[in-house]
Amino acid sequence: MRINRENSDQELLAAFHKSGDTEILGAIYNKYLHLAYGVCMKYLKDRDNAQDMVMEIFEKMMQKPPAPDINNFKTWLYVVVKNHCLMKLRKKDPKIISINQEDQFMEIPDEVHPIDKEDQVSGLETCIEQLKKEQKDCIELFYLQKKCYQEITDSTGFDLKKVKSYIQNGKRNLKICLEKNVGSESTY
C-alpha cells in the first residue's frame, strides 16, 4: 500500500493488519504524535517525562497493535495516552486519584484507605473495557471526553436515540460490573 495523506486511519489500520508492515503503523502514529505529546504534557507537566511517556506508549503499541476495527483512532489514542499518564501518576503517588478524568486531582482523605480507591479506579477501567463496543465508545466520549450527545452522534454515526440508549445501558452495566467485581456501590 502506498501511504499518503488521503488514506483514512481505518484504511491504514486495515492495510497494516493485512501486511504487518510497521511503516504503515508508524504513519498512523506520526499523524497523532502531537496529540499524544500534548496529552502527556497536560497530565505529567514535564517535557522529558512527556516525551518518555509518548515513546513508551508507541513502543507498547508496536508490540501490541490496535485492533483493525477501531472507528476513531484519534479518540482511541487519546484515551490510551490519558490512561497511561493517569496510571503513571497513580504509581508515583498512590494517594492521587482522578476525580473527573481531566486535569483536576485530589488527595484521598486519610480516613479512606488508598488501596480501596485505587481498586475502584482500576475496577472502573476494567469494567469499561468489558462493555459492548457501542456502549464503551459512547461512555468514553460522554464521560471521559465530555462530548455532548450531538458530538457523539457526529463522531460515531449512531442516531441520537441510540447514543442515549448506549450511554444509559452502559452506565447500568458499569454499575453491575463494579458491584460484582469491586464489591462496593457505585455512584454511576
N, C-alpha and C. Protein backbone atom coordinates (compact mmCIF):
# COMPACT_ATOMS: atom_id res chain seq x y z
N MET A 1 0.85 -1.19 0.00
CA MET A 1 0.00 0.00 0.00
C MET A 1 0.88 1.24 0.00
N ARG A 2 0.51 2.19 -0.81
CA ARG A 2 1.22 3.46 -0.85
C ARG A 2 0.60 4.38 0.20
N ILE A 3 1.41 4.88 1.10
CA ILE A 3 0.93 5.72 2.20
C ILE A 3 0.93 7.18 1.77
N ASN A 4 -0.22 7.83 1.93
CA ASN A 4 -0.31 9.27 1.68
C ASN A 4 -1.35 9.88 2.61
N ARG A 5 -1.45 11.19 2.58
CA ARG A 5 -2.34 11.90 3.50
C ARG A 5 -3.82 11.62 3.27
N GLU A 6 -4.16 11.14 2.09
CA GLU A 6 -5.56 10.87 1.78
C GLU A 6 -6.07 9.58 2.42
N ASN A 7 -5.16 8.70 2.84
CA ASN A 7 -5.58 7.45 3.46
C ASN A 7 -6.23 7.73 4.82
N SER A 8 -7.38 7.13 5.04
CA SER A 8 -8.03 7.27 6.35
C SER A 8 -7.32 6.38 7.35
N ASP A 9 -7.55 6.65 8.62
CA ASP A 9 -6.95 5.83 9.66
C ASP A 9 -7.42 4.38 9.55
N GLN A 10 -8.71 4.20 9.22
CA GLN A 10 -9.25 2.85 9.09
C GLN A 10 -8.58 2.10 7.94
N GLU A 11 -8.34 2.79 6.84
CA GLU A 11 -7.65 2.16 5.70
C GLU A 11 -6.24 1.76 6.09
N LEU A 12 -5.55 2.65 6.80
CA LEU A 12 -4.18 2.35 7.21
C LEU A 12 -4.14 1.19 8.20
N LEU A 13 -5.07 1.18 9.16
CA LEU A 13 -5.11 0.06 10.12
C LEU A 13 -5.39 -1.26 9.41
N ALA A 14 -6.34 -1.24 8.50
CA ALA A 14 -6.66 -2.46 7.75
C ALA A 14 -5.45 -2.93 6.94
N ALA A 15 -4.76 -1.98 6.29
CA ALA A 15 -3.58 -2.33 5.50
C ALA A 15 -2.47 -2.88 6.40
N PHE A 16 -2.30 -2.29 7.57
CA PHE A 16 -1.29 -2.80 8.50
C PHE A 16 -1.61 -4.23 8.92
N HIS A 17 -2.85 -4.48 9.29
CA HIS A 17 -3.22 -5.82 9.74
C HIS A 17 -3.13 -6.85 8.61
N LYS A 18 -3.29 -6.39 7.39
CA LYS A 18 -3.18 -7.29 6.25
C LYS A 18 -1.72 -7.61 5.94
N SER A 19 -0.87 -6.57 6.01
CA SER A 19 0.52 -6.75 5.59
C SER A 19 1.51 -6.93 6.75
N GLY A 20 1.18 -6.37 7.91
CA GLY A 20 2.12 -6.42 9.04
C GLY A 20 3.26 -5.42 8.90
N ASP A 21 3.16 -4.51 7.93
CA ASP A 21 4.20 -3.53 7.66
C ASP A 21 4.16 -2.43 8.74
N THR A 22 5.20 -2.39 9.56
CA THR A 22 5.23 -1.42 10.66
C THR A 22 5.36 0.03 10.16
N GLU A 23 5.78 0.20 8.93
CA GLU A 23 5.85 1.56 8.37
C GLU A 23 4.44 2.17 8.27
N ILE A 24 3.47 1.34 7.97
CA ILE A 24 2.08 1.82 7.90
C ILE A 24 1.61 2.23 9.29
N LEU A 25 1.90 1.41 10.29
CA LEU A 25 1.52 1.74 11.66
C LEU A 25 2.23 3.02 12.10
N GLY A 26 3.49 3.17 11.73
CA GLY A 26 4.24 4.39 12.04
C GLY A 26 3.61 5.62 11.43
N ALA A 27 3.06 5.48 10.22
CA ALA A 27 2.41 6.62 9.56
C ALA A 27 1.18 7.07 10.34
N ILE A 28 0.43 6.11 10.88
CA ILE A 28 -0.75 6.47 11.68
C ILE A 28 -0.29 7.20 12.95
N TYR A 29 0.70 6.64 13.62
CA TYR A 29 1.17 7.25 14.86
C TYR A 29 1.74 8.64 14.62
N ASN A 30 2.46 8.82 13.53
CA ASN A 30 3.04 10.14 13.24
C ASN A 30 1.97 11.21 13.05
N LYS A 31 0.81 10.81 12.55
CA LYS A 31 -0.29 11.77 12.38
C LYS A 31 -0.73 12.35 13.72
N TYR A 32 -0.60 11.54 14.78
CA TYR A 32 -1.14 11.94 16.07
C TYR A 32 -0.06 12.08 17.15
N LEU A 33 1.18 12.19 16.75
CA LEU A 33 2.26 12.34 17.70
C LEU A 33 2.07 13.59 18.55
N HIS A 34 1.66 14.68 17.91
CA HIS A 34 1.44 15.93 18.64
C HIS A 34 0.32 15.80 19.67
N LEU A 35 -0.72 15.05 19.32
CA LEU A 35 -1.84 14.82 20.26
C LEU A 35 -1.34 14.06 21.48
N ALA A 36 -0.60 12.98 21.26
CA ALA A 36 -0.10 12.16 22.36
C ALA A 36 0.81 12.99 23.26
N TYR A 37 1.68 13.77 22.66
CA TYR A 37 2.61 14.60 23.44
C TYR A 37 1.83 15.65 24.24
N GLY A 38 0.84 16.26 23.61
CA GLY A 38 0.04 17.28 24.30
C GLY A 38 -0.71 16.71 25.51
N VAL A 39 -1.27 15.52 25.35
CA VAL A 39 -1.99 14.88 26.45
C VAL A 39 -1.01 14.56 27.58
N CYS A 40 0.17 14.04 27.21
CA CYS A 40 1.18 13.72 28.23
C CYS A 40 1.63 14.98 28.97
N MET A 41 1.82 16.07 28.26
CA MET A 41 2.20 17.33 28.90
C MET A 41 1.11 17.81 29.85
N LYS A 42 -0.13 17.66 29.44
CA LYS A 42 -1.26 18.10 30.26
C LYS A 42 -1.25 17.40 31.62
N TYR A 43 -0.99 16.11 31.62
CA TYR A 43 -1.04 15.33 32.85
C TYR A 43 0.28 15.30 33.60
N LEU A 44 1.39 15.15 32.89
CA LEU A 44 2.68 14.98 33.56
C LEU A 44 3.39 16.30 33.84
N LYS A 45 3.07 17.33 33.06
CA LYS A 45 3.59 18.68 33.24
C LYS A 45 5.13 18.75 33.27
N ASP A 46 5.76 17.90 32.47
CA ASP A 46 7.21 17.87 32.37
C ASP A 46 7.58 17.36 30.97
N ARG A 47 8.39 18.14 30.25
CA ARG A 47 8.72 17.78 28.86
C ARG A 47 9.41 16.43 28.74
N ASP A 48 10.42 16.20 29.57
CA ASP A 48 11.15 14.94 29.48
C ASP A 48 10.26 13.75 29.78
N ASN A 49 9.47 13.86 30.85
CA ASN A 49 8.55 12.76 31.20
C ASN A 49 7.51 12.54 30.10
N ALA A 50 7.03 13.65 29.52
CA ALA A 50 6.02 13.54 28.46
C ALA A 50 6.62 12.85 27.23
N GLN A 51 7.84 13.23 26.85
CA GLN A 51 8.49 12.59 25.70
C GLN A 51 8.74 11.11 25.97
N ASP A 52 9.20 10.80 27.17
CA ASP A 52 9.43 9.40 27.54
C ASP A 52 8.13 8.60 27.49
N MET A 53 7.05 9.19 27.99
CA MET A 53 5.75 8.51 28.02
C MET A 53 5.26 8.24 26.59
N VAL A 54 5.40 9.21 25.70
CA VAL A 54 4.97 9.03 24.31
C VAL A 54 5.74 7.88 23.67
N MET A 55 7.04 7.85 23.89
CA MET A 55 7.85 6.77 23.32
C MET A 55 7.43 5.42 23.91
N GLU A 56 7.20 5.39 25.21
CA GLU A 56 6.80 4.15 25.88
C GLU A 56 5.46 3.65 25.33
N ILE A 57 4.52 4.56 25.16
CA ILE A 57 3.20 4.20 24.64
C ILE A 57 3.32 3.66 23.22
N PHE A 58 4.06 4.35 22.36
CA PHE A 58 4.17 3.91 20.98
C PHE A 58 4.95 2.59 20.88
N GLU A 59 5.93 2.39 21.74
CA GLU A 59 6.64 1.10 21.74
C GLU A 59 5.69 -0.03 22.13
N LYS A 60 4.87 0.20 23.13
CA LYS A 60 3.90 -0.82 23.53
C LYS A 60 2.91 -1.10 22.41
N MET A 61 2.50 -0.04 21.70
CA MET A 61 1.55 -0.23 20.61
C MET A 61 2.18 -0.95 19.43
N MET A 62 3.48 -0.81 19.24
CA MET A 62 4.15 -1.55 18.17
C MET A 62 4.17 -3.04 18.53
N GLN A 63 4.32 -3.34 19.84
CA GLN A 63 4.33 -4.73 20.28
C GLN A 63 2.92 -5.33 20.25
N LYS A 64 1.94 -4.52 20.63
CA LYS A 64 0.56 -4.97 20.63
C LYS A 64 -0.28 -3.92 19.88
N PRO A 65 -0.35 -4.03 18.57
CA PRO A 65 -1.01 -3.02 17.74
C PRO A 65 -2.51 -2.91 18.03
N PRO A 66 -3.08 -1.75 17.72
CA PRO A 66 -4.52 -1.57 17.90
C PRO A 66 -5.32 -2.50 16.99
N ALA A 67 -6.52 -2.81 17.42
CA ALA A 67 -7.39 -3.69 16.63
C ALA A 67 -7.77 -3.00 15.31
N PRO A 68 -8.04 -3.79 14.28
CA PRO A 68 -8.36 -3.19 12.97
C PRO A 68 -9.75 -2.54 12.93
N ASP A 69 -10.60 -2.81 13.92
CA ASP A 69 -11.97 -2.30 13.86
C ASP A 69 -12.18 -1.01 14.66
N ILE A 70 -11.12 -0.29 14.97
CA ILE A 70 -11.26 0.98 15.70
C ILE A 70 -11.89 2.00 14.75
N ASN A 71 -13.04 2.54 15.17
CA ASN A 71 -13.75 3.50 14.32
C ASN A 71 -13.08 4.87 14.29
N ASN A 72 -12.58 5.32 15.42
CA ASN A 72 -11.99 6.64 15.50
C ASN A 72 -10.64 6.51 16.21
N PHE A 73 -9.57 6.40 15.44
CA PHE A 73 -8.25 6.17 16.01
C PHE A 73 -7.83 7.32 16.92
N LYS A 74 -8.13 8.53 16.53
CA LYS A 74 -7.73 9.70 17.32
C LYS A 74 -8.34 9.64 18.71
N THR A 75 -9.61 9.34 18.79
CA THR A 75 -10.30 9.23 20.08
C THR A 75 -9.72 8.07 20.88
N TRP A 76 -9.52 6.94 20.23
CA TRP A 76 -8.96 5.76 20.89
C TRP A 76 -7.58 6.09 21.45
N LEU A 77 -6.73 6.73 20.66
CA LEU A 77 -5.38 7.06 21.10
C LEU A 77 -5.42 8.03 22.27
N TYR A 78 -6.29 9.02 22.22
CA TYR A 78 -6.42 9.97 23.32
C TYR A 78 -6.69 9.24 24.63
N VAL A 79 -7.63 8.32 24.62
CA VAL A 79 -8.00 7.58 25.82
C VAL A 79 -6.83 6.71 26.30
N VAL A 80 -6.14 6.05 25.37
CA VAL A 80 -4.99 5.20 25.73
C VAL A 80 -3.90 6.04 26.39
N VAL A 81 -3.56 7.17 25.78
CA VAL A 81 -2.50 8.03 26.32
C VAL A 81 -2.89 8.58 27.68
N LYS A 82 -4.12 9.05 27.80
CA LYS A 82 -4.60 9.59 29.07
C LYS A 82 -4.53 8.53 30.17
N ASN A 83 -4.97 7.32 29.87
CA ASN A 83 -4.95 6.24 30.85
C ASN A 83 -3.52 5.89 31.27
N HIS A 84 -2.59 5.88 30.32
CA HIS A 84 -1.19 5.60 30.67
C HIS A 84 -0.64 6.69 31.59
N CYS A 85 -0.96 7.94 31.30
CA CYS A 85 -0.49 9.04 32.15
C CYS A 85 -1.08 8.94 33.55
N LEU A 86 -2.37 8.65 33.63
CA LEU A 86 -3.00 8.53 34.95
C LEU A 86 -2.41 7.36 35.73
N MET A 87 -2.12 6.26 35.05
CA MET A 87 -1.52 5.12 35.74
C MET A 87 -0.12 5.49 36.26
N LYS A 88 0.64 6.24 35.47
CA LYS A 88 1.97 6.67 35.91
C LYS A 88 1.84 7.56 37.13
N LEU A 89 0.90 8.48 37.11
CA LEU A 89 0.70 9.36 38.26
C LEU A 89 0.27 8.58 39.50
N ARG A 90 -0.58 7.58 39.32
CA ARG A 90 -1.02 6.77 40.45
C ARG A 90 0.12 5.94 41.02
N LYS A 91 0.99 5.43 40.15
CA LYS A 91 2.14 4.66 40.64
C LYS A 91 3.11 5.55 41.40
N LYS A 92 3.26 6.77 40.93
CA LYS A 92 4.17 7.72 41.56
C LYS A 92 3.67 8.11 42.94
N ASP A 93 2.37 8.35 43.06
CA ASP A 93 1.77 8.73 44.34
C ASP A 93 0.40 8.08 44.45
N PRO A 94 0.33 6.92 45.14
CA PRO A 94 -0.94 6.18 45.22
C PRO A 94 -2.07 6.95 45.89
N LYS A 95 -1.74 8.06 46.55
CA LYS A 95 -2.79 8.85 47.20
C LYS A 95 -3.54 9.73 46.20
N ILE A 96 -3.01 9.85 44.99
CA ILE A 96 -3.65 10.70 43.98
C ILE A 96 -4.63 9.87 43.17
N ILE A 97 -5.84 10.39 43.05
CA ILE A 97 -6.83 9.78 42.16
C ILE A 97 -7.38 10.86 41.26
N SER A 98 -7.90 10.47 40.14
CA SER A 98 -8.55 11.42 39.24
C SER A 98 -10.00 11.53 39.66
N ILE A 99 -10.50 12.77 39.77
CA ILE A 99 -11.90 12.91 40.18
C ILE A 99 -12.83 13.13 39.01
N ASN A 100 -12.33 13.59 37.89
CA ASN A 100 -13.21 13.76 36.74
C ASN A 100 -12.53 13.39 35.44
N GLN A 101 -11.47 12.62 35.52
CA GLN A 101 -10.73 12.14 34.37
C GLN A 101 -10.17 13.28 33.52
N GLU A 102 -10.11 14.46 34.04
CA GLU A 102 -9.45 15.55 33.33
C GLU A 102 -8.24 15.96 34.14
N ASP A 103 -7.98 17.27 34.28
CA ASP A 103 -6.74 17.65 34.93
C ASP A 103 -6.94 18.08 36.38
N GLN A 104 -8.04 17.73 37.00
CA GLN A 104 -8.23 18.01 38.42
C GLN A 104 -7.91 16.76 39.20
N PHE A 105 -7.08 16.90 40.21
CA PHE A 105 -6.72 15.77 41.04
C PHE A 105 -6.95 16.14 42.49
N MET A 106 -7.14 15.15 43.31
CA MET A 106 -7.30 15.41 44.73
C MET A 106 -6.61 14.31 45.51
N GLU A 107 -6.28 14.61 46.74
CA GLU A 107 -5.71 13.59 47.59
C GLU A 107 -6.84 12.87 48.30
N ILE A 108 -6.65 11.60 48.53
CA ILE A 108 -7.65 10.81 49.24
C ILE A 108 -7.56 11.16 50.72
N PRO A 109 -8.68 11.42 51.35
CA PRO A 109 -8.64 11.71 52.79
C PRO A 109 -8.04 10.52 53.55
N ASP A 110 -7.41 10.82 54.69
CA ASP A 110 -6.75 9.77 55.48
C ASP A 110 -7.70 8.68 55.94
N GLU A 111 -8.98 9.03 56.15
CA GLU A 111 -9.90 8.02 56.66
C GLU A 111 -10.29 6.99 55.61
N VAL A 112 -10.02 7.25 54.34
CA VAL A 112 -10.30 6.29 53.28
C VAL A 112 -8.99 5.64 52.88
N HIS A 113 -8.96 4.33 52.88
CA HIS A 113 -7.74 3.61 52.55
C HIS A 113 -7.44 3.77 51.07
N PRO A 114 -6.21 4.20 50.68
CA PRO A 114 -5.89 4.44 49.28
C PRO A 114 -6.08 3.23 48.38
N ILE A 115 -5.83 2.05 48.89
CA ILE A 115 -5.95 0.85 48.05
C ILE A 115 -7.40 0.67 47.62
N ASP A 116 -8.35 1.01 48.50
CA ASP A 116 -9.76 0.89 48.14
C ASP A 116 -10.09 1.77 46.94
N LYS A 117 -9.65 3.02 46.96
CA LYS A 117 -9.92 3.93 45.84
C LYS A 117 -9.19 3.47 44.58
N GLU A 118 -7.95 3.02 44.73
CA GLU A 118 -7.19 2.54 43.58
C GLU A 118 -7.88 1.33 42.96
N ASP A 119 -8.40 0.44 43.82
CA ASP A 119 -9.13 -0.72 43.32
C ASP A 119 -10.37 -0.29 42.57
N GLN A 120 -11.05 0.75 43.07
CA GLN A 120 -12.26 1.22 42.40
C GLN A 120 -11.94 1.81 41.03
N VAL A 121 -10.87 2.62 40.95
CA VAL A 121 -10.48 3.21 39.68
C VAL A 121 -10.06 2.11 38.70
N SER A 122 -9.26 1.19 39.18
CA SER A 122 -8.83 0.07 38.34
C SER A 122 -10.04 -0.77 37.91
N GLY A 123 -10.96 -1.00 38.85
CA GLY A 123 -12.18 -1.75 38.54
C GLY A 123 -13.02 -1.05 37.50
N LEU A 124 -13.11 0.27 37.59
CA LEU A 124 -13.88 1.04 36.61
C LEU A 124 -13.26 0.90 35.23
N GLU A 125 -11.93 1.01 35.15
CA GLU A 125 -11.26 0.86 33.85
C GLU A 125 -11.50 -0.53 33.27
N THR A 126 -11.43 -1.54 34.13
CA THR A 126 -11.67 -2.92 33.69
C THR A 126 -13.10 -3.09 33.20
N CYS A 127 -14.05 -2.52 33.94
CA CYS A 127 -15.47 -2.65 33.57
C CYS A 127 -15.76 -1.91 32.26
N ILE A 128 -15.15 -0.76 32.05
CA ILE A 128 -15.35 -0.03 30.80
C ILE A 128 -14.87 -0.88 29.63
N GLU A 129 -13.74 -1.54 29.80
CA GLU A 129 -13.21 -2.40 28.73
C GLU A 129 -14.14 -3.56 28.41
N GLN A 130 -14.96 -3.99 29.37
CA GLN A 130 -15.84 -5.14 29.18
C GLN A 130 -17.18 -4.77 28.53
N LEU A 131 -17.46 -3.47 28.41
CA LEU A 131 -18.72 -3.06 27.79
C LEU A 131 -18.74 -3.44 26.31
N LYS A 132 -19.96 -3.54 25.77
CA LYS A 132 -20.09 -3.72 24.32
C LYS A 132 -19.46 -2.50 23.66
N LYS A 133 -18.91 -2.69 22.47
CA LYS A 133 -18.16 -1.64 21.80
C LYS A 133 -18.93 -0.33 21.70
N GLU A 134 -20.20 -0.39 21.32
CA GLU A 134 -21.01 0.82 21.16
C GLU A 134 -21.17 1.55 22.49
N GLN A 135 -21.44 0.78 23.56
CA GLN A 135 -21.58 1.38 24.88
C GLN A 135 -20.26 1.99 25.35
N LYS A 136 -19.19 1.25 25.16
CA LYS A 136 -17.86 1.71 25.57
C LYS A 136 -17.52 3.02 24.86
N ASP A 137 -17.71 3.06 23.55
CA ASP A 137 -17.40 4.27 22.78
C ASP A 137 -18.20 5.46 23.29
N CYS A 138 -19.51 5.26 23.48
CA CYS A 138 -20.37 6.36 23.91
C CYS A 138 -20.04 6.80 25.33
N ILE A 139 -19.79 5.86 26.24
CA ILE A 139 -19.43 6.20 27.63
C ILE A 139 -18.13 6.99 27.66
N GLU A 140 -17.12 6.53 26.92
CA GLU A 140 -15.83 7.24 26.91
C GLU A 140 -15.98 8.64 26.34
N LEU A 141 -16.71 8.77 25.24
CA LEU A 141 -16.89 10.08 24.64
C LEU A 141 -17.68 11.02 25.55
N PHE A 142 -18.72 10.51 26.20
CA PHE A 142 -19.59 11.35 27.02
C PHE A 142 -18.94 11.72 28.35
N TYR A 143 -18.43 10.74 29.07
CA TYR A 143 -17.92 11.00 30.42
C TYR A 143 -16.44 11.36 30.46
N LEU A 144 -15.63 10.71 29.66
CA LEU A 144 -14.20 10.95 29.73
C LEU A 144 -13.77 12.13 28.87
N GLN A 145 -14.42 12.29 27.72
CA GLN A 145 -14.03 13.38 26.83
C GLN A 145 -15.02 14.54 26.87
N LYS A 146 -16.05 14.40 27.69
CA LYS A 146 -17.04 15.47 27.91
C LYS A 146 -17.71 15.94 26.62
N LYS A 147 -17.97 15.01 25.71
CA LYS A 147 -18.66 15.33 24.46
C LYS A 147 -20.17 15.36 24.70
N CYS A 148 -20.86 16.22 23.98
CA CYS A 148 -22.32 16.26 24.08
C CYS A 148 -22.91 15.19 23.16
N TYR A 149 -24.21 14.97 23.31
CA TYR A 149 -24.88 13.93 22.51
C TYR A 149 -24.65 14.14 21.01
N GLN A 150 -24.77 15.39 20.55
CA GLN A 150 -24.64 15.66 19.12
C GLN A 150 -23.23 15.36 18.63
N GLU A 151 -22.21 15.71 19.44
CA GLU A 151 -20.83 15.42 19.05
C GLU A 151 -20.61 13.90 18.96
N ILE A 152 -21.22 13.17 19.88
CA ILE A 152 -21.09 11.71 19.85
C ILE A 152 -21.78 11.15 18.61
N THR A 153 -22.96 11.68 18.32
CA THR A 153 -23.69 11.27 17.12
C THR A 153 -22.85 11.52 15.87
N ASP A 154 -22.25 12.71 15.80
CA ASP A 154 -21.43 13.06 14.64
C ASP A 154 -20.20 12.16 14.51
N SER A 155 -19.54 11.86 15.62
CA SER A 155 -18.29 11.09 15.52
C SER A 155 -18.51 9.59 15.37
N THR A 156 -19.64 9.07 15.87
CA THR A 156 -19.86 7.62 15.79
C THR A 156 -20.77 7.21 14.65
N GLY A 157 -21.64 8.13 14.21
CA GLY A 157 -22.61 7.78 13.18
C GLY A 157 -23.89 7.18 13.75
N PHE A 158 -23.97 6.99 15.07
CA PHE A 158 -25.19 6.49 15.71
C PHE A 158 -26.22 7.61 15.75
N ASP A 159 -27.51 7.24 15.64
CA ASP A 159 -28.52 8.29 15.78
C ASP A 159 -28.65 8.65 17.26
N LEU A 160 -29.28 9.80 17.53
CA LEU A 160 -29.36 10.37 18.87
C LEU A 160 -29.97 9.40 19.87
N LYS A 161 -31.05 8.72 19.49
CA LYS A 161 -31.71 7.78 20.41
C LYS A 161 -30.77 6.63 20.77
N LYS A 162 -30.00 6.16 19.80
CA LYS A 162 -29.06 5.08 20.05
C LYS A 162 -27.96 5.54 21.03
N VAL A 163 -27.45 6.75 20.81
CA VAL A 163 -26.41 7.29 21.69
C VAL A 163 -26.91 7.34 23.13
N LYS A 164 -28.12 7.88 23.32
CA LYS A 164 -28.69 7.96 24.67
C LYS A 164 -28.88 6.57 25.26
N SER A 165 -29.33 5.64 24.45
CA SER A 165 -29.56 4.28 24.90
C SER A 165 -28.24 3.60 25.28
N TYR A 166 -27.20 3.77 24.45
CA TYR A 166 -25.90 3.17 24.74
C TYR A 166 -25.32 3.72 26.04
N ILE A 167 -25.48 5.03 26.26
CA ILE A 167 -24.97 5.63 27.49
C ILE A 167 -25.74 5.11 28.70
N GLN A 168 -27.06 5.09 28.61
CA GLN A 168 -27.88 4.61 29.72
C GLN A 168 -27.58 3.14 30.03
N ASN A 169 -27.55 2.30 29.02
CA ASN A 169 -27.27 0.88 29.23
C ASN A 169 -25.83 0.67 29.69
N GLY A 170 -24.91 1.47 29.16
CA GLY A 170 -23.52 1.38 29.58
C GLY A 170 -23.35 1.73 31.06
N LYS A 171 -24.04 2.79 31.50
CA LYS A 171 -24.00 3.16 32.93
C LYS A 171 -24.53 2.02 33.80
N ARG A 172 -25.65 1.43 33.38
CA ARG A 172 -26.24 0.33 34.14
C ARG A 172 -25.27 -0.85 34.19
N ASN A 173 -24.67 -1.20 33.06
CA ASN A 173 -23.73 -2.32 33.00
C ASN A 173 -22.46 -2.04 33.82
N LEU A 174 -22.01 -0.78 33.83
CA LEU A 174 -20.87 -0.42 34.65
C LEU A 174 -21.18 -0.60 36.13
N LYS A 175 -22.36 -0.16 36.53
CA LYS A 175 -22.76 -0.28 37.94
C LYS A 175 -22.81 -1.76 38.34
N ILE A 176 -23.41 -2.58 37.50
CA ILE A 176 -23.50 -4.02 37.79
C ILE A 176 -22.09 -4.63 37.87
N CYS A 177 -21.24 -4.29 36.92
CA CYS A 177 -19.88 -4.82 36.89
C CYS A 177 -19.09 -4.38 38.12
N LEU A 178 -19.19 -3.10 38.47
CA LEU A 178 -18.46 -2.59 39.64
C LEU A 178 -18.92 -3.25 40.92
N GLU A 179 -20.23 -3.40 41.07
CA GLU A 179 -20.75 -4.03 42.28
C GLU A 179 -20.30 -5.48 42.38
N LYS A 180 -20.22 -6.13 41.25
CA LYS A 180 -19.82 -7.54 41.23
C LYS A 180 -18.31 -7.68 41.47
N ASN A 181 -17.51 -6.84 40.79
CA ASN A 181 -16.06 -7.02 40.82
C ASN A 181 -15.35 -6.25 41.93
N VAL A 182 -15.85 -5.10 42.29
CA VAL A 182 -15.18 -4.31 43.32
C VAL A 182 -15.85 -4.52 44.67
N GLY A 183 -17.13 -4.88 44.64
CA GLY A 183 -17.83 -5.16 45.88
C GLY A 183 -18.29 -3.93 46.61
N SER A 184 -18.30 -2.80 45.92
CA SER A 184 -18.79 -1.58 46.57
C SER A 184 -19.80 -0.94 45.64
N GLU A 185 -20.65 -0.14 46.21
CA GLU A 185 -21.68 0.51 45.39
C GLU A 185 -21.04 1.63 44.60
N SER A 186 -21.55 1.81 43.43
CA SER A 186 -21.05 2.84 42.54
C SER A 186 -21.98 4.03 42.57
N THR A 187 -21.44 5.19 42.22
CA THR A 187 -22.27 6.38 42.16
C THR A 187 -22.75 6.66 40.75
N TYR A 188 -22.51 5.75 39.82
CA TYR A 188 -22.92 5.96 38.43
C TYR A 188 -24.39 5.73 38.25
